[in-house]
Structures are given as C-alpha cells and as structure tokens.
Amino acid sequence: MDARIVSINTSTRKGVRKKAVDTAFIKENYGIKSDAHASGEWHRQISLLARESIMKMQKMGLDVSSGDFAENLTTEGIDLVSLPVGTRITVGEDIEIEVSQIGKVCHKRCAIYYQAGDCVMPKEGIFAVVLRGGTIKKGDTIKVTGSEGECRKLRKC
C-alpha cells in the first residue's frame, strides 16, 4: 500500500479540534491557508499524525478520529516518527514539505490526556515547513524524496 493522506484537518481557532475538509490550499512557507495554526515564518507550519497513532488511542477506548489531535494531515502507511528532521516529503504531485520537528512539548494537558492518561501527538506527531505549495486533497500519495534539506540548513530546526 502506498502512503497517503487520509484526512486534511483545519480550524479557524487555535485550541479546538480540527474538522476534516476534502481539499485545502497549502501556501509555500506558510501552511494551510484556512487554518488558524498557519503562520508562516516558523518551523511548525504543518502538523502530521499517522492514522496508526490514532488507532492506538482508539484501542485504549477513546472515541477519537482524524483532527481530534489538532493535526493538519492524517497519514496512513508511513512511519512518520522514524523520519529525521530535514527529510523532504512530496504530497500529491506538487506539494513539497520538510520535516522540521518530531513531537512537541505539551505545556497544558489536553482533554485526551485526561481521558486516557496519555496522548500520541507530543510523541508521534511531526511538524514540517512548506517548501512548495499547492492544492492538497484526501487520498494524495506521500513519498519521501530526500533529506538534509533547507530546513536544517536555513531555519535551524
């Protein structure tokens, strides 16, 4: 099975679960144009979480799905956390992103943490910068296309 995008998730406000959309425009060096977390000149323009990670939380008895962890892109068939910072990924035909951070510090415990005693996003979510934008749609393929890219050289990821 090819790695692919299973959900594109956006929100107009920070601090809320994201809702799935069929397509979105990803702007170069910015993020998903309609998302509250897109902000340009920083290293966390897009967030990704594997469907397989969400399934771990479902097996713990939680009623969660794509977007509930505030990830922009839910993937399937790619081991996101094994990709080192600097890895370049092509999404669909046109979009190129570069891994800029693995996991994150969770300063405030989210509702999911309190329900399950754990949360996958801080450990298994990844972040990326947008090197080349375009329109993304559910079902787009994901391909690892290289490493040691611009993020590591220029953005001090």
C-alpha atoms as a PDB file:
ATOM      1  CA  MET A   1       0.000   0.000   0.000  1.00  0.00           C
ATOM      2  CA  ASP A   2       1.237   3.458  -0.872  1.00  0.00           C
ATOM      3  CA  ALA A   3       1.452   6.049   1.870  1.00  0.00           C
ATOM      4  CA  ARG A   4      -1.350   8.559   1.548  1.00  0.00           C
ATOM      5  CA  ILE A   5      -3.307  11.398   3.123  1.00  0.00           C
ATOM      6  CA  VAL A   6      -6.456  10.053   4.785  1.00  0.00           C
ATOM      7  CA  SER A   7      -7.691  13.366   6.202  1.00  0.00           C
ATOM      8  CA  ILE A   8      -6.997  17.088   5.850  1.00  0.00           C
ATOM      9  CA  ASN A   9      -7.983  18.956   9.004  1.00  0.00           C
ATOM     10  CA  THR A  10      -8.377  22.667   9.685  1.00  0.00           C
ATOM     11  CA  SER A  11      -9.811  25.002  12.295  1.00  0.00           C
ATOM     12  CA  THR A  12     -10.441  28.729  12.357  1.00  0.00           C
ATOM     13  CA  ARG A  13      -9.391  28.980  16.014  1.00  0.00           C
ATOM     14  CA  LYS A  14      -6.486  27.588  17.998  1.00  0.00           C
ATOM     15  CA  GLY A  15      -7.128  25.243  20.901  1.00  0.00           C
ATOM     16  CA  VAL A  16     -10.015  23.349  19.285  1.00  0.00           C
ATOM     17  CA  ARG A  17     -10.289  20.057  17.441  1.00  0.00           C
ATOM     18  CA  LYS A  18      -9.901  20.375  13.715  1.00  0.00           C
ATOM     19  CA  LYS A  19     -12.596  19.431  11.199  1.00  0.00           C
ATOM     20  CA  ALA A  20     -11.954  17.404   8.053  1.00  0.00           C
ATOM     21  CA  VAL A  21     -12.092  19.077   4.640  1.00  0.00           C
ATOM     22  CA  ASP A  22     -11.813  17.400   1.235  1.00  0.00           C
ATOM     23  CA  THR A  23      -9.231  19.811  -0.179  1.00  0.00           C
ATOM     24  CA  ALA A  24      -7.125  22.715   1.014  1.00  0.00           C
ATOM     25  CA  PHE A  25      -4.528  25.106  -0.341  1.00  0.00           C
ATOM     26  CA  ILE A  26      -1.097  24.817   1.215  1.00  0.00           C
ATOM     27  CA  LYS A  27       0.861  28.025   0.822  1.00  0.00           C
ATOM     28  CA  GLU A  28       4.642  27.980   0.485  1.00  0.00           C
ATOM     29  CA  ASN A  29       6.461  28.972   3.691  1.00  0.00           C
ATOM     30  CA  TYR A  30       3.129  29.446   5.457  1.00  0.00           C
ATOM     31  CA  GLY A  31       0.915  26.378   5.965  1.00  0.00           C
ATOM     32  CA  ILE A  32      -2.708  25.553   5.173  1.00  0.00           C
ATOM     33  CA  LYS A  33      -4.222  28.851   4.156  1.00  0.00           C
ATOM     34  CA  SER A  34      -7.529  28.362   6.016  1.00  0.00           C
ATOM     35  CA  ASP A  35      -6.022  27.031   9.264  1.00  0.00           C
ATOM     36  CA  ALA A  36      -5.561  29.000  12.488  1.00  0.00           C
ATOM     37  CA  HIS A  37      -2.132  27.416  13.114  1.00  0.00           C
ATOM     38  CA  ALA A  38      -0.631  28.540   9.795  1.00  0.00           C
ATOM     39  CA  SER A  39       1.634  31.457  10.489  1.00  0.00           C
ATOM     40  CA  GLY A  40       4.486  31.472   8.062  1.00  0.00           C
ATOM     41  CA  GLU A  41       7.983  32.201   9.206  1.00  0.00           C
ATOM     42  CA  TRP A  42       8.439  29.434  11.743  1.00  0.00           C
ATOM     43  CA  HIS A  43       9.218  25.740  11.767  1.00  0.00           C
ATOM     44  CA  ARG A  44       5.751  24.303  12.554  1.00  0.00           C
ATOM     45  CA  GLN A  45       3.717  25.317   9.517  1.00  0.00           C
ATOM     46  CA  ILE A  46       2.021  21.914   9.024  1.00  0.00           C
ATOM     47  CA  SER A  47       1.401  19.126  11.552  1.00  0.00           C
ATOM     48  CA  LEU A  48       1.092  15.434  10.662  1.00  0.00           C
ATOM     49  CA  LEU A  49      -0.075  12.415  12.636  1.00  0.00           C
ATOM     50  CA  ALA A  50      -0.401   8.833  11.438  1.00  0.00           C
ATOM     51  CA  ARG A  51      -3.776   7.107  11.396  1.00  0.00           C
ATOM     52  CA  GLU A  52      -1.939   4.233  13.065  1.00  0.00           C
ATOM     53  CA  SER A  53      -1.206   6.510  16.055  1.00  0.00           C
ATOM     54  CA  ILE A  54      -4.859   7.495  16.329  1.00  0.00           C
ATOM     55  CA  MET A  55      -5.799   3.817  16.272  1.00  0.00           C
ATOM     56  CA  LYS A  56      -3.597   3.269  19.365  1.00  0.00           C
ATOM     57  CA  MET A  57      -5.759   5.738  21.250  1.00  0.00           C
ATOM     58  CA  GLN A  58      -8.937   4.101  19.928  1.00  0.00           C
ATOM     59  CA  LYS A  59      -7.691   0.757  21.263  1.00  0.00           C
ATOM     60  CA  MET A  60      -7.427   2.446  24.689  1.00  0.00           C
ATOM     61  CA  GLY A  61     -11.171   3.027  24.448  1.00  0.00           C
ATOM     62  CA  LEU A  62     -11.216   6.643  23.296  1.00  0.00           C
ATOM     63  CA  ASP A  63     -13.708   7.887  20.736  1.00  0.00           C
ATOM     64  CA  VAL A  64     -11.201   9.870  18.643  1.00  0.00           C
ATOM     65  CA  SER A  65     -10.559  10.310  14.959  1.00  0.00           C
ATOM     66  CA  SER A  66      -8.651  12.460  12.491  1.00  0.00           C
ATOM     67  CA  GLY A  67      -8.346  16.090  13.552  1.00  0.00           C
ATOM     68  CA  ASP A  68      -9.017  15.400  17.234  1.00  0.00           C
ATOM     69  CA  PHE A  69      -5.290  15.783  17.996  1.00  0.00           C
ATOM     70  CA  ALA A  70      -5.191  19.117  16.098  1.00  0.00           C
ATOM     71  CA  GLU A  71      -3.111  17.601  13.286  1.00  0.00           C
ATOM     72  CA  ASN A  72      -3.453  19.155   9.850  1.00  0.00           C
ATOM     73  CA  LEU A  73      -2.733  15.992   7.913  1.00  0.00           C
ATOM     74  CA  THR A  74      -3.617  12.471   8.958  1.00  0.00           C
ATOM     75  CA  THR A  75      -1.474   9.957   7.082  1.00  0.00           C
ATOM     76  CA  GLU A  76      -1.526   6.231   6.505  1.00  0.00           C
ATOM     77  CA  GLY A  77       1.240   3.843   5.536  1.00  0.00           C
ATOM     78  CA  ILE A  78       4.261   5.940   6.539  1.00  0.00           C
ATOM     79  CA  ASP A  79       6.231   5.749   9.795  1.00  0.00           C
ATOM     80  CA  LEU A  80       6.337   9.466  10.499  1.00  0.00           C
ATOM     81  CA  VAL A  81       8.375   9.391  13.712  1.00  0.00           C
ATOM     82  CA  SER A  82      11.196   7.495  12.006  1.00  0.00           C
ATOM     83  CA  LEU A  83      11.781  10.360   9.562  1.00  0.00           C
ATOM     84  CA  PRO A  84      14.670  12.538  10.691  1.00  0.00           C
ATOM     85  CA  VAL A  85      14.460  16.310  10.755  1.00  0.00           C
ATOM     86  CA  GLY A  86      15.400  17.555   7.294  1.00  0.00           C
ATOM     87  CA  THR A  87      13.549  14.791   5.416  1.00  0.00           C
ATOM     88  CA  ARG A  88      11.737  16.058   2.350  1.00  0.00           C
ATOM     89  CA  ILE A  89       8.303  14.683   1.515  1.00  0.00           C
ATOM     90  CA  THR A  90       6.260  15.130  -1.655  1.00  0.00           C
ATOM     91  CA  VAL A  91       2.488  15.128  -1.237  1.00  0.00           C
ATOM     92  CA  GLY A  92       0.471  14.549  -4.388  1.00  0.00           C
ATOM     93  CA  GLU A  93       2.170  15.891  -7.491  1.00  0.00           C
ATOM     94  CA  ASP A  94       3.186  19.390  -6.425  1.00  0.00           C
ATOM     95  CA  ILE A  95       3.498  19.924  -2.698  1.00  0.00           C
ATOM     96  CA  GLU A  96       6.868  19.555  -1.010  1.00  0.00           C
ATOM     97  CA  ILE A  97       7.315  19.769   2.747  1.00  0.00           C
ATOM     98  CA  GLU A  98      10.274  19.208   5.015  1.00  0.00           C
ATOM     99  CA  VAL A  99      10.239  17.649   8.461  1.00  0.00           C
ATOM    100  CA  SER A 100      11.222  20.306  10.971  1.00  0.00           C
ATOM    101  CA  GLN A 101      10.334  18.780  14.357  1.00  0.00           C
ATOM    102  CA  ILE A 102       9.471  15.368  15.793  1.00  0.00           C
ATOM    103  CA  GLY A 103       6.961  15.528  18.628  1.00  0.00           C
ATOM    104  CA  LYS A 104       6.371  18.538  20.838  1.00  0.00           C
ATOM    105  CA  VAL A 105       6.251  19.607  24.439  1.00  0.00           C
ATOM    106  CA  CYS A 106       2.696  19.589  25.742  1.00  0.00           C
ATOM    107  CA  HIS A 107       2.611  22.580  28.101  1.00  0.00           C
ATOM    108  CA  LYS A 108      -1.045  22.088  29.013  1.00  0.00           C
ATOM    109  CA  ARG A 109      -2.577  18.660  29.294  1.00  0.00           C
ATOM    110  CA  CYS A 110      -5.303  18.282  26.690  1.00  0.00           C
ATOM    111  CA  ALA A 111      -8.700  16.659  27.238  1.00  0.00           C
ATOM    112  CA  ILE A 112      -7.445  13.489  25.565  1.00  0.00           C
ATOM    113  CA  TYR A 113      -4.616  13.174  28.090  1.00  0.00           C
ATOM    114  CA  TYR A 114      -7.086  13.413  30.963  1.00  0.00           C
ATOM    115  CA  GLN A 115      -9.387  10.827  29.372  1.00  0.00           C
ATOM    116  CA  ALA A 116      -6.675   8.264  28.564  1.00  0.00           C
ATOM    117  CA  GLY A 117      -3.715   9.212  30.714  1.00  0.00           C
ATOM    118  CA  ASP A 118      -1.687   9.687  27.537  1.00  0.00           C
ATOM    119  CA  CYS A 119      -1.711  11.487  24.196  1.00  0.00           C
ATOM    120  CA  VAL A 120       0.067  10.489  20.986  1.00  0.00           C
ATOM    121  CA  MET A 121       0.609  13.907  19.376  1.00  0.00           C
ATOM    122  CA  PRO A 122       3.503  15.008  21.647  1.00  0.00           C
ATOM    123  CA  LYS A 123       5.402  11.773  20.920  1.00  0.00           C
ATOM    124  CA  GLU A 124       4.282  10.700  17.463  1.00  0.00           C
ATOM    125  CA  GLY A 125       3.175  13.859  15.696  1.00  0.00           C
ATOM    126  CA  ILE A 126       5.608  15.613  13.397  1.00  0.00           C
ATOM    127  CA  PHE A 127       5.839  19.125  12.038  1.00  0.00           C
ATOM    128  CA  ALA A 128       7.025  20.453   8.695  1.00  0.00           C
ATOM    129  CA  VAL A 129       7.717  23.603   6.737  1.00  0.00           C
ATOM    130  CA  VAL A 130       6.230  24.101   3.278  1.00  0.00           C
ATOM    131  CA  LEU A 131       8.861  24.335   0.544  1.00  0.00           C
ATOM    132  CA  ARG A 132       6.433  24.208  -2.397  1.00  0.00           C
ATOM    133  CA  GLY A 133       2.705  24.762  -2.043  1.00  0.00           C
ATOM    134  CA  GLY A 134      -0.361  23.695  -3.961  1.00  0.00           C
ATOM    135  CA  THR A 135      -3.773  22.137  -3.561  1.00  0.00           C
ATOM    136  CA  ILE A 136      -3.934  19.017  -1.408  1.00  0.00           C
ATOM    137  CA  LYS A 137      -6.759  16.514  -1.470  1.00  0.00           C
ATOM    138  CA  LYS A 138      -7.756  13.483   0.535  1.00  0.00           C
ATOM    139  CA  GLY A 139      -6.125  10.373  -0.946  1.00  0.00           C
ATOM    140  CA  ASP A 140      -2.998  12.158  -2.229  1.00  0.00           C
ATOM    141  CA  THR A 141       0.103   9.978  -2.112  1.00  0.00           C
ATOM    142  CA  ILE A 142       3.049  10.710   0.169  1.00  0.00           C
ATOM    143  CA  LYS A 143       6.627   9.992  -0.917  1.00  0.00           C
ATOM    144  CA  VAL A 144       9.871  10.529   0.944  1.00  0.00           C
ATOM    145  CA  THR A 145      12.055  12.307  -1.609  1.00  0.00           C
ATOM    146  CA  GLY A 146      15.220  13.262   0.220  1.00  0.00           C
ATOM    147  CA  SER A 147      16.899  14.510   3.348  1.00  0.00           C
ATOM    148  CA  GLU A 148      19.163  17.245   4.693  1.00  0.00           C
ATOM    149  CA  GLY A 149      17.078  19.951   3.086  1.00  0.00           C
ATOM    150  CA  GLU A 150      16.622  23.654   3.530  1.00  0.00           C
ATOM    151  CA  CYS A 151      15.033  23.483   6.966  1.00  0.00           C
ATOM    152  CA  ARG A 152      18.127  22.079   8.609  1.00  0.00           C
ATOM    153  CA  LYS A 153      20.430  24.432   6.685  1.00  0.00           C
ATOM    154  CA  LEU A 154      18.495  27.684   6.864  1.00  0.00           C
ATOM    155  CA  ARG A 155      15.838  27.501   9.559  1.00  0.00           C
ATOM    156  CA  LYS A 156      17.911  25.912  12.342  1.00  0.00           C
ATOM    157  CA  CYS A 157      15.331  23.203  13.017  1.00  0.00           C
END
